Amino acid sequence: NFIQRMKQRRVTVMLSGVHAAMATTM
């Protein structure tokens, strides 16, 4: 929901430090 709201404001979101478990769930 947060990323969707940022897209509506034309703000790009980048994710860093994404470990394996987080990447799988994403």
mmCIF file of all heavy atoms, coordinates in Angstrom:
data_MODEL
# 
_entry.id   MODEL 
# 
loop_
_atom_site.group_PDB 
_atom_site.id 
_atom_site.type_symbol 
_atom_site.label_atom_id 
_atom_site.label_alt_id 
_atom_site.label_comp_id 
_atom_site.label_asym_id 
_atom_site.label_entity_id 
_atom_site.label_seq_id 
_atom_site.pdbx_PDB_ins_code 
_atom_site.Cartn_x 
_atom_site.Cartn_y 
_atom_site.Cartn_z 
_atom_site.occupancy 
_atom_site.B_iso_or_equiv 
_atom_site.pdbx_formal_charge 
_atom_site.auth_seq_id 
_atom_site.auth_comp_id 
_atom_site.auth_asym_id 
_atom_site.auth_atom_id 
_atom_site.pdbx_PDB_model_num 
ATOM 1   N N   . ASN A 1 1  ? 0.831  -1.218  0.000   1.00 0.00 ? 1  ASN A N   1 
ATOM 2   C CA  . ASN A 1 1  ? 0.000  0.000   0.000   1.00 0.00 ? 1  ASN A CA  1 
ATOM 3   C C   . ASN A 1 1  ? 0.859  1.261   0.000   1.00 0.00 ? 1  ASN A C   1 
ATOM 4   O O   . ASN A 1 1  ? 0.556  2.242   -0.694  1.00 0.00 ? 1  ASN A O   1 
ATOM 5   C CB  . ASN A 1 1  ? -0.921 0.007   1.216   1.00 0.00 ? 1  ASN A CB  1 
ATOM 6   C CG  . ASN A 1 1  ? -2.029 -1.030  1.100   1.00 0.00 ? 1  ASN A CG  1 
ATOM 7   O OD1 . ASN A 1 1  ? -2.349 -1.484  0.002   1.00 0.00 ? 1  ASN A OD1 1 
ATOM 8   N ND2 . ASN A 1 1  ? -2.611 -1.393  2.227   1.00 0.00 ? 1  ASN A ND2 1 
ATOM 9   N N   . PHE A 1 2  ? 1.958  1.237   0.763   1.00 0.00 ? 2  PHE A N   1 
ATOM 10  C CA  . PHE A 1 2  ? 2.851  2.398   0.802   1.00 0.00 ? 2  PHE A CA  1 
ATOM 11  C C   . PHE A 1 2  ? 3.483  2.645   -0.563  1.00 0.00 ? 2  PHE A C   1 
ATOM 12  O O   . PHE A 1 2  ? 3.535  3.795   -1.037  1.00 0.00 ? 2  PHE A O   1 
ATOM 13  C CB  . PHE A 1 2  ? 3.938  2.163   1.858   1.00 0.00 ? 2  PHE A CB  1 
ATOM 14  C CG  . PHE A 1 2  ? 4.991  3.230   1.892   1.00 0.00 ? 2  PHE A CG  1 
ATOM 15  C CD1 . PHE A 1 2  ? 4.745  4.459   2.460   1.00 0.00 ? 2  PHE A CD1 1 
ATOM 16  C CD2 . PHE A 1 2  ? 6.244  2.994   1.317   1.00 0.00 ? 2  PHE A CD2 1 
ATOM 17  C CE1 . PHE A 1 2  ? 5.722  5.448   2.483   1.00 0.00 ? 2  PHE A CE1 1 
ATOM 18  C CE2 . PHE A 1 2  ? 7.225  3.971   1.340   1.00 0.00 ? 2  PHE A CE2 1 
ATOM 19  C CZ  . PHE A 1 2  ? 6.963  5.205   1.919   1.00 0.00 ? 2  PHE A CZ  1 
ATOM 20  N N   . ILE A 1 3  ? 3.949  1.580   -1.192  1.00 0.00 ? 3  ILE A N   1 
ATOM 21  C CA  . ILE A 1 3  ? 4.593  1.734   -2.507  1.00 0.00 ? 3  ILE A CA  1 
ATOM 22  C C   . ILE A 1 3  ? 3.585  2.222   -3.546  1.00 0.00 ? 3  ILE A C   1 
ATOM 23  O O   . ILE A 1 3  ? 3.911  3.048   -4.421  1.00 0.00 ? 3  ILE A O   1 
ATOM 24  C CB  . ILE A 1 3  ? 5.244  0.404   -2.929  1.00 0.00 ? 3  ILE A CB  1 
ATOM 25  C CG1 . ILE A 1 3  ? 6.398  0.071   -1.966  1.00 0.00 ? 3  ILE A CG1 1 
ATOM 26  C CG2 . ILE A 1 3  ? 5.762  0.462   -4.366  1.00 0.00 ? 3  ILE A CG2 1 
ATOM 27  C CD1 . ILE A 1 3  ? 6.945  -1.339  -2.134  1.00 0.00 ? 3  ILE A CD1 1 
ATOM 28  N N   . GLN A 1 4  ? 2.346  1.734   -3.469  1.00 0.00 ? 4  GLN A N   1 
ATOM 29  C CA  . GLN A 1 4  ? 1.303  2.194   -4.396  1.00 0.00 ? 4  GLN A CA  1 
ATOM 30  C C   . GLN A 1 4  ? 1.060  3.685   -4.219  1.00 0.00 ? 4  GLN A C   1 
ATOM 31  O O   . GLN A 1 4  ? 0.912  4.425   -5.217  1.00 0.00 ? 4  GLN A O   1 
ATOM 32  C CB  . GLN A 1 4  ? 0.002  1.413   -4.124  1.00 0.00 ? 4  GLN A CB  1 
ATOM 33  C CG  . GLN A 1 4  ? 0.031  -0.048  -4.532  1.00 0.00 ? 4  GLN A CG  1 
ATOM 34  C CD  . GLN A 1 4  ? -0.207 -0.239  -6.026  1.00 0.00 ? 4  GLN A CD  1 
ATOM 35  O OE1 . GLN A 1 4  ? -0.092 0.719   -6.816  1.00 0.00 ? 4  GLN A OE1 1 
ATOM 36  N NE2 . GLN A 1 4  ? -0.516 -1.463  -6.412  1.00 0.00 ? 4  GLN A NE2 1 
ATOM 37  N N   . ARG A 1 5  ? 1.016  4.150   -2.970  1.00 0.00 ? 5  ARG A N   1 
ATOM 38  C CA  . ARG A 1 5  ? 0.798  5.575   -2.735  1.00 0.00 ? 5  ARG A CA  1 
ATOM 39  C C   . ARG A 1 5  ? 1.969  6.396   -3.265  1.00 0.00 ? 5  ARG A C   1 
ATOM 40  O O   . ARG A 1 5  ? 1.778  7.511   -3.783  1.00 0.00 ? 5  ARG A O   1 
ATOM 41  C CB  . ARG A 1 5  ? 0.593  5.842   -1.238  1.00 0.00 ? 5  ARG A CB  1 
ATOM 42  C CG  . ARG A 1 5  ? -0.683 5.232   -0.673  1.00 0.00 ? 5  ARG A CG  1 
ATOM 43  C CD  . ARG A 1 5  ? -1.034 5.822   0.687   1.00 0.00 ? 5  ARG A CD  1 
ATOM 44  N NE  . ARG A 1 5  ? 0.007  5.608   1.682   1.00 0.00 ? 5  ARG A NE  1 
ATOM 45  C CZ  . ARG A 1 5  ? 0.077  4.540   2.473   1.00 0.00 ? 5  ARG A CZ  1 
ATOM 46  N NH1 . ARG A 1 5  ? -0.814 3.565   2.357   1.00 0.00 ? 5  ARG A NH1 1 
ATOM 47  N NH2 . ARG A 1 5  ? 1.032  4.442   3.379   1.00 0.00 ? 5  ARG A NH2 1 
ATOM 48  N N   . MET A 1 6  ? 3.184  5.872   -3.130  1.00 0.00 ? 6  MET A N   1 
ATOM 49  C CA  . MET A 1 6  ? 4.352  6.579   -3.657  1.00 0.00 ? 6  MET A CA  1 
ATOM 50  C C   . MET A 1 6  ? 4.293  6.667   -5.186  1.00 0.00 ? 6  MET A C   1 
ATOM 51  O O   . MET A 1 6  ? 4.665  7.694   -5.776  1.00 0.00 ? 6  MET A O   1 
ATOM 52  C CB  . MET A 1 6  ? 5.635  5.877   -3.212  1.00 0.00 ? 6  MET A CB  1 
ATOM 53  C CG  . MET A 1 6  ? 5.935  5.971   -1.717  1.00 0.00 ? 6  MET A CG  1 
ATOM 54  S SD  . MET A 1 6  ? 6.089  7.688   -1.112  1.00 0.00 ? 6  MET A SD  1 
ATOM 55  C CE  . MET A 1 6  ? 4.445  7.952   -0.430  1.00 0.00 ? 6  MET A CE  1 
ATOM 56  N N   . LYS A 1 7  ? 3.828  5.589   -5.816  1.00 0.00 ? 7  LYS A N   1 
ATOM 57  C CA  . LYS A 1 7  ? 3.704  5.619   -7.274  1.00 0.00 ? 7  LYS A CA  1 
ATOM 58  C C   . LYS A 1 7  ? 2.714  6.687   -7.720  1.00 0.00 ? 7  LYS A C   1 
ATOM 59  O O   . LYS A 1 7  ? 2.916  7.363   -8.740  1.00 0.00 ? 7  LYS A O   1 
ATOM 60  C CB  . LYS A 1 7  ? 3.260  4.239   -7.783  1.00 0.00 ? 7  LYS A CB  1 
ATOM 61  C CG  . LYS A 1 7  ? 4.386  3.207   -7.886  1.00 0.00 ? 7  LYS A CG  1 
ATOM 62  C CD  . LYS A 1 7  ? 3.875  1.908   -8.470  1.00 0.00 ? 7  LYS A CD  1 
ATOM 63  C CE  . LYS A 1 7  ? 5.028  0.956   -8.752  1.00 0.00 ? 7  LYS A CE  1 
ATOM 64  N NZ  . LYS A 1 7  ? 5.874  1.428   -9.866  1.00 0.00 ? 7  LYS A NZ  1 
ATOM 65  N N   . GLN A 1 8  ? 1.624  6.832   -6.936  1.00 0.00 ? 8  GLN A N   1 
ATOM 66  C CA  . GLN A 1 8  ? 0.645  7.859   -7.272  1.00 0.00 ? 8  GLN A CA  1 
ATOM 67  C C   . GLN A 1 8  ? 1.251  9.256   -7.164  1.00 0.00 ? 8  GLN A C   1 
ATOM 68  O O   . GLN A 1 8  ? 0.820  10.180  -7.870  1.00 0.00 ? 8  GLN A O   1 
ATOM 69  C CB  . GLN A 1 8  ? -0.567 7.728   -6.354  1.00 0.00 ? 8  GLN A CB  1 
ATOM 70  C CG  . GLN A 1 8  ? -1.377 6.458   -6.571  1.00 0.00 ? 8  GLN A CG  1 
ATOM 71  C CD  . GLN A 1 8  ? -2.473 6.267   -5.546  1.00 0.00 ? 8  GLN A CD  1 
ATOM 72  O OE1 . GLN A 1 8  ? -2.702 7.135   -4.695  1.00 0.00 ? 8  GLN A OE1 1 
ATOM 73  N NE2 . GLN A 1 8  ? -3.165 5.128   -5.616  1.00 0.00 ? 8  GLN A NE2 1 
ATOM 74  N N   . ARG A 1 9  ? 2.268  9.416   -6.295  1.00 0.00 ? 9  ARG A N   1 
ATOM 75  C CA  . ARG A 1 9  ? 2.956  10.701  -6.155  1.00 0.00 ? 9  ARG A CA  1 
ATOM 76  C C   . ARG A 1 9  ? 4.161  10.802  -7.078  1.00 0.00 ? 9  ARG A C   1 
ATOM 77  O O   . ARG A 1 9  ? 4.935  11.744  -6.985  1.00 0.00 ? 9  ARG A O   1 
ATOM 78  C CB  . ARG A 1 9  ? 3.406  10.883  -4.700  1.00 0.00 ? 9  ARG A CB  1 
ATOM 79  C CG  . ARG A 1 9  ? 2.260  11.013  -3.720  1.00 0.00 ? 9  ARG A CG  1 
ATOM 80  C CD  . ARG A 1 9  ? 2.732  11.221  -2.298  1.00 0.00 ? 9  ARG A CD  1 
ATOM 81  N NE  . ARG A 1 9  ? 3.594  12.399  -2.126  1.00 0.00 ? 9  ARG A NE  1 
ATOM 82  C CZ  . ARG A 1 9  ? 3.953  12.896  -0.953  1.00 0.00 ? 9  ARG A CZ  1 
ATOM 83  N NH1 . ARG A 1 9  ? 3.500  12.322  0.170   1.00 0.00 ? 9  ARG A NH1 1 
ATOM 84  N NH2 . ARG A 1 9  ? 4.731  13.961  -0.868  1.00 0.00 ? 9  ARG A NH2 1 
ATOM 85  N N   . ARG A 1 10 ? 4.325  9.785   -7.970  1.00 0.00 ? 10 ARG A N   1 
ATOM 86  C CA  . ARG A 1 10 ? 5.450  9.730   -8.918  1.00 0.00 ? 10 ARG A CA  1 
ATOM 87  C C   . ARG A 1 10 ? 6.801  9.680   -8.191  1.00 0.00 ? 10 ARG A C   1 
ATOM 88  O O   . ARG A 1 10 ? 7.773  10.311  -8.613  1.00 0.00 ? 10 ARG A O   1 
ATOM 89  C CB  . ARG A 1 10 ? 5.399  10.926  -9.879  1.00 0.00 ? 10 ARG A CB  1 
ATOM 90  C CG  . ARG A 1 10 ? 4.143  10.956  -10.725 1.00 0.00 ? 10 ARG A CG  1 
ATOM 91  C CD  . ARG A 1 10 ? 4.174  12.085  -11.740 1.00 0.00 ? 10 ARG A CD  1 
ATOM 92  N NE  . ARG A 1 10 ? 2.967  12.145  -12.513 1.00 0.00 ? 10 ARG A NE  1 
ATOM 93  C CZ  . ARG A 1 10 ? 2.667  11.373  -13.567 1.00 0.00 ? 10 ARG A CZ  1 
ATOM 94  N NH1 . ARG A 1 10 ? 3.561  10.480  -13.966 1.00 0.00 ? 10 ARG A NH1 1 
ATOM 95  N NH2 . ARG A 1 10 ? 1.528  11.510  -14.202 1.00 0.00 ? 10 ARG A NH2 1 
ATOM 96  N N   . VAL A 1 11 ? 6.818  8.946   -7.080  1.00 0.00 ? 11 VAL A N   1 
ATOM 97  C CA  . VAL A 1 11 ? 8.042  8.738   -6.314  1.00 0.00 ? 11 VAL A CA  1 
ATOM 98  C C   . VAL A 1 11 ? 8.471  7.288   -6.495  1.00 0.00 ? 11 VAL A C   1 
ATOM 99  O O   . VAL A 1 11 ? 7.684  6.366   -6.249  1.00 0.00 ? 11 VAL A O   1 
ATOM 100 C CB  . VAL A 1 11 ? 7.844  9.045   -4.818  1.00 0.00 ? 11 VAL A CB  1 
ATOM 101 C CG1 . VAL A 1 11 ? 9.111  8.726   -4.034  1.00 0.00 ? 11 VAL A CG1 1 
ATOM 102 C CG2 . VAL A 1 11 ? 7.449  10.508  -4.626  1.00 0.00 ? 11 VAL A CG2 1 
ATOM 103 N N   . THR A 1 12 ? 9.694  7.090   -6.958  1.00 0.00 ? 12 THR A N   1 
ATOM 104 C CA  . THR A 1 12 ? 10.217 5.735   -7.156  1.00 0.00 ? 12 THR A CA  1 
ATOM 105 C C   . THR A 1 12 ? 10.719 5.176   -5.833  1.00 0.00 ? 12 THR A C   1 
ATOM 106 O O   . THR A 1 12 ? 11.379 5.879   -5.068  1.00 0.00 ? 12 THR A O   1 
ATOM 107 C CB  . THR A 1 12 ? 11.372 5.747   -8.174  1.00 0.00 ? 12 THR A CB  1 
ATOM 108 O OG1 . THR A 1 12 ? 10.885 6.268   -9.415  1.00 0.00 ? 12 THR A OG1 1 
ATOM 109 C CG2 . THR A 1 12 ? 11.931 4.345   -8.386  1.00 0.00 ? 12 THR A CG2 1 
ATOM 110 N N   . VAL A 1 13 ? 10.403 3.896   -5.570  1.00 0.00 ? 13 VAL A N   1 
ATOM 111 C CA  . VAL A 1 13 ? 10.867 3.221   -4.354  1.00 0.00 ? 13 VAL A CA  1 
ATOM 112 C C   . VAL A 1 13 ? 11.895 2.169   -4.742  1.00 0.00 ? 13 VAL A C   1 
ATOM 113 O O   . VAL A 1 13 ? 11.652 1.350   -5.634  1.00 0.00 ? 13 VAL A O   1 
ATOM 114 C CB  . VAL A 1 13 ? 9.709  2.569   -3.591  1.00 0.00 ? 13 VAL A CB  1 
ATOM 115 C CG1 . VAL A 1 13 ? 10.227 1.776   -2.387  1.00 0.00 ? 13 VAL A CG1 1 
ATOM 116 C CG2 . VAL A 1 13 ? 8.714  3.624   -3.135  1.00 0.00 ? 13 VAL A CG2 1 
ATOM 117 N N   . MET A 1 14 ? 13.061 2.214   -4.094  1.00 0.00 ? 14 MET A N   1 
ATOM 118 C CA  . MET A 1 14 ? 14.086 1.190   -4.250  1.00 0.00 ? 14 MET A CA  1 
ATOM 119 C C   . MET A 1 14 ? 14.256 0.457   -2.924  1.00 0.00 ? 14 MET A C   1 
ATOM 120 O O   . MET A 1 14 ? 14.157 1.074   -1.853  1.00 0.00 ? 14 MET A O   1 
ATOM 121 C CB  . MET A 1 14 ? 15.426 1.812   -4.669  1.00 0.00 ? 14 MET A CB  1 
ATOM 122 C CG  . MET A 1 14 ? 15.423 2.435   -6.038  1.00 0.00 ? 14 MET A CG  1 
ATOM 123 S SD  . MET A 1 14 ? 17.054 3.114   -6.467  1.00 0.00 ? 14 MET A SD  1 
ATOM 124 C CE  . MET A 1 14 ? 16.766 3.681   -8.135  1.00 0.00 ? 14 MET A CE  1 
ATOM 125 N N   . LEU A 1 15 ? 14.522 -0.830  -2.993  1.00 0.00 ? 15 LEU A N   1 
ATOM 126 C CA  . LEU A 1 15 ? 14.701 -1.652  -1.797  1.00 0.00 ? 15 LEU A CA  1 
ATOM 127 C C   . LEU A 1 15 ? 16.120 -2.191  -1.767  1.00 0.00 ? 15 LEU A C   1 
ATOM 128 O O   . LEU A 1 15 ? 16.565 -2.820  -2.729  1.00 0.00 ? 15 LEU A O   1 
ATOM 129 C CB  . LEU A 1 15 ? 13.696 -2.820  -1.785  1.00 0.00 ? 15 LEU A CB  1 
ATOM 130 C CG  . LEU A 1 15 ? 12.218 -2.436  -1.901  1.00 0.00 ? 15 LEU A CG  1 
ATOM 131 C CD1 . LEU A 1 15 ? 11.358 -3.686  -1.916  1.00 0.00 ? 15 LEU A CD1 1 
ATOM 132 C CD2 . LEU A 1 15 ? 11.799 -1.510  -0.779  1.00 0.00 ? 15 LEU A CD2 1 
ATOM 133 N N   . SER A 1 16 ? 16.839 -1.945  -0.656  1.00 0.00 ? 16 SER A N   1 
ATOM 134 C CA  . SER A 1 16 ? 18.218 -2.432  -0.540  1.00 0.00 ? 16 SER A CA  1 
ATOM 135 C C   . SER A 1 16 ? 18.334 -3.384  0.647   1.00 0.00 ? 16 SER A C   1 
ATOM 136 O O   . SER A 1 16 ? 17.473 -3.437  1.524   1.00 0.00 ? 16 SER A O   1 
ATOM 137 C CB  . SER A 1 16 ? 19.182 -1.251  -0.363  1.00 0.00 ? 16 SER A CB  1 
ATOM 138 O OG  . SER A 1 16 ? 19.004 -0.647  0.913   1.00 0.00 ? 16 SER A OG  1 
ATOM 139 N N   . GLY A 1 17 ? 19.432 -4.150  0.639   1.00 0.00 ? 17 GLY A N   1 
ATOM 140 C CA  . GLY A 1 17 ? 19.675 -5.089  1.726   1.00 0.00 ? 17 GLY A CA  1 
ATOM 141 C C   . GLY A 1 17 ? 18.646 -6.209  1.777   1.00 0.00 ? 17 GLY A C   1 
ATOM 142 O O   . GLY A 1 17 ? 18.361 -6.740  2.852   1.00 0.00 ? 17 GLY A O   1 
ATOM 143 N N   . VAL A 1 18 ? 18.085 -6.586  0.642   1.00 0.00 ? 18 VAL A N   1 
ATOM 144 C CA  . VAL A 1 18 ? 17.025 -7.605  0.589   1.00 0.00 ? 18 VAL A CA  1 
ATOM 145 C C   . VAL A 1 18 ? 17.659 -8.991  0.704   1.00 0.00 ? 18 VAL A C   1 
ATOM 146 O O   . VAL A 1 18 ? 18.369 -9.434  -0.203  1.00 0.00 ? 18 VAL A O   1 
ATOM 147 C CB  . VAL A 1 18 ? 16.202 -7.477  -0.705  1.00 0.00 ? 18 VAL A CB  1 
ATOM 148 C CG1 . VAL A 1 18 ? 15.148 -8.571  -0.767  1.00 0.00 ? 18 VAL A CG1 1 
ATOM 149 C CG2 . VAL A 1 18 ? 15.571 -6.087  -0.798  1.00 0.00 ? 18 VAL A CG2 1 
ATOM 150 N N   . HIS A 1 19 ? 17.395 -9.678  1.818   1.00 0.00 ? 19 HIS A N   1 
ATOM 151 C CA  . HIS A 1 19 ? 17.965 -11.010 1.999   1.00 0.00 ? 19 HIS A CA  1 
ATOM 152 C C   . HIS A 1 19 ? 17.064 -12.067 1.352   1.00 0.00 ? 19 HIS A C   1 
ATOM 153 O O   . HIS A 1 19 ? 15.971 -11.767 0.841   1.00 0.00 ? 19 HIS A O   1 
ATOM 154 C CB  . HIS A 1 19 ? 18.196 -11.313 3.472   1.00 0.00 ? 19 HIS A CB  1 
ATOM 155 C CG  . HIS A 1 19 ? 17.021 -11.042 4.347   1.00 0.00 ? 19 HIS A CG  1 
ATOM 156 N ND1 . HIS A 1 19 ? 15.895 -11.841 4.372   1.00 0.00 ? 19 HIS A ND1 1 
ATOM 157 C CD2 . HIS A 1 19 ? 16.777 -10.045 5.241   1.00 0.00 ? 19 HIS A CD2 1 
ATOM 158 C CE1 . HIS A 1 19 ? 15.022 -11.363 5.234   1.00 0.00 ? 19 HIS A CE1 1 
ATOM 159 N NE2 . HIS A 1 19 ? 15.528 -10.268 5.777   1.00 0.00 ? 19 HIS A NE2 1 
ATOM 160 N N   . ALA A 1 20 ? 17.508 -13.323 1.390   1.00 0.00 ? 20 ALA A N   1 
ATOM 161 C CA  . ALA A 1 20 ? 16.844 -14.385 0.642   1.00 0.00 ? 20 ALA A CA  1 
ATOM 162 C C   . ALA A 1 20 ? 15.397 -14.585 1.071   1.00 0.00 ? 20 ALA A C   1 
ATOM 163 O O   . ALA A 1 20 ? 14.495 -14.715 0.229   1.00 0.00 ? 20 ALA A O   1 
ATOM 164 C CB  . ALA A 1 20 ? 17.627 -15.690 0.797   1.00 0.00 ? 20 ALA A CB  1 
ATOM 165 N N   . ALA A 1 21 ? 15.135 -14.624 2.389   1.00 0.00 ? 21 ALA A N   1 
ATOM 166 C CA  . ALA A 1 21 ? 13.775 -14.854 2.869   1.00 0.00 ? 21 ALA A CA  1 
ATOM 167 C C   . ALA A 1 21 ? 12.846 -13.728 2.450   1.00 0.00 ? 21 ALA A C   1 
ATOM 168 O O   . ALA A 1 21 ? 11.703 -13.959 2.047   1.00 0.00 ? 21 ALA A O   1 
ATOM 169 C CB  . ALA A 1 21 ? 13.781 -15.004 4.395   1.00 0.00 ? 21 ALA A CB  1 
ATOM 170 N N   . MET A 1 22 ? 13.347 -12.489 2.535   1.00 0.00 ? 22 MET A N   1 
ATOM 171 C CA  . MET A 1 22 ? 12.544 -11.340 2.127   1.00 0.00 ? 22 MET A CA  1 
ATOM 172 C C   . MET A 1 22 ? 12.257 -11.393 0.626   1.00 0.00 ? 22 MET A C   1 
ATOM 173 O O   . MET A 1 22 ? 11.124 -11.138 0.190   1.00 0.00 ? 22 MET A O   1 
ATOM 174 C CB  . MET A 1 22 ? 13.269 -10.048 2.487   1.00 0.00 ? 22 MET A CB  1 
ATOM 175 C CG  . MET A 1 22 ? 12.533 -8.774  2.114   1.00 0.00 ? 22 MET A CG  1 
ATOM 176 S SD  . MET A 1 22 ? 11.049 -8.502  3.112   1.00 0.00 ? 22 MET A SD  1 
ATOM 177 C CE  . MET A 1 22 ? 11.787 -8.064  4.684   1.00 0.00 ? 22 MET A CE  1 
ATOM 178 N N   . ALA A 1 23 ? 13.271 -11.744 -0.165  1.00 0.00 ? 23 ALA A N   1 
ATOM 179 C CA  . ALA A 1 23 ? 13.099 -11.809 -1.620  1.00 0.00 ? 23 ALA A CA  1 
ATOM 180 C C   . ALA A 1 23 ? 12.073 -12.872 -1.999  1.00 0.00 ? 23 ALA A C   1 
ATOM 181 O O   . ALA A 1 23 ? 11.252 -12.663 -2.901  1.00 0.00 ? 23 ALA A O   1 
ATOM 182 C CB  . ALA A 1 23 ? 14.437 -12.104 -2.289  1.00 0.00 ? 23 ALA A CB  1 
ATOM 183 N N   . THR A 1 24 ? 12.093 -14.010 -1.297  1.00 0.00 ? 24 THR A N   1 
ATOM 184 C CA  . THR A 1 24 ? 11.135 -15.079 -1.588  1.00 0.00 ? 24 THR A CA  1 
ATOM 185 C C   . THR A 1 24 ? 9.716  -14.633 -1.305  1.00 0.00 ? 24 THR A C   1 
ATOM 186 O O   . THR A 1 24 ? 8.804  -14.851 -2.121  1.00 0.00 ? 24 THR A O   1 
ATOM 187 C CB  . THR A 1 24 ? 11.468 -16.328 -0.746  1.00 0.00 ? 24 THR A CB  1 
ATOM 188 O OG1 . THR A 1 24 ? 12.789 -16.773 -1.080  1.00 0.00 ? 24 THR A OG1 1 
ATOM 189 C CG2 . THR A 1 24 ? 10.479 -17.449 -1.014  1.00 0.00 ? 24 THR A CG2 1 
ATOM 190 N N   . THR A 1 25 ? 9.500  -13.999 -0.156  1.00 0.00 ? 25 THR A N   1 
ATOM 191 C CA  . THR A 1 25 ? 8.159  -13.537 0.202   1.00 0.00 ? 25 THR A CA  1 
ATOM 192 C C   . THR A 1 25 ? 7.685  -12.455 -0.761  1.00 0.00 ? 25 THR A C   1 
ATOM 193 O O   . THR A 1 25 ? 6.518  -12.456 -1.187  1.00 0.00 ? 25 THR A O   1 
ATOM 194 C CB  . THR A 1 25 ? 8.149  -12.997 1.640   1.00 0.00 ? 25 THR A CB  1 
ATOM 195 O OG1 . THR A 1 25 ? 8.635  -14.000 2.528   1.00 0.00 ? 25 THR A OG1 1 
ATOM 196 C CG2 . THR A 1 25 ? 6.742  -12.599 2.060   1.00 0.00 ? 25 THR A CG2 1 
ATOM 197 N N   . MET A 1 26 ? 8.577  -11.545 -1.148  1.00 0.00 ? 26 MET A N   1 
ATOM 198 C CA  . MET A 1 26 ? 8.220  -10.494 -2.105  1.00 0.00 ? 26 MET A CA  1 
ATOM 199 C C   . MET A 1 26 ? 7.824  -11.098 -3.439  1.00 0.00 ? 26 MET A C   1 
ATOM 200 O O   . MET A 1 26 ? 6.848  -10.649 -4.072  1.00 0.00 ? 26 MET A O   1 
ATOM 201 C CB  . MET A 1 26 ? 9.397  -9.533  -2.276  1.00 0.00 ? 26 MET A CB  1 
ATOM 202 C CG  . MET A 1 26 ? 9.653  -8.654  -1.062  1.00 0.00 ? 26 MET A CG  1 
ATOM 203 S SD  . MET A 1 26 ? 11.214 -7.722  -1.159  1.00 0.00 ? 26 MET A SD  1 
ATOM 204 C CE  . MET A 1 26 ? 10.984 -6.851  -2.689  1.00 0.00 ? 26 MET A CE  1 
# 
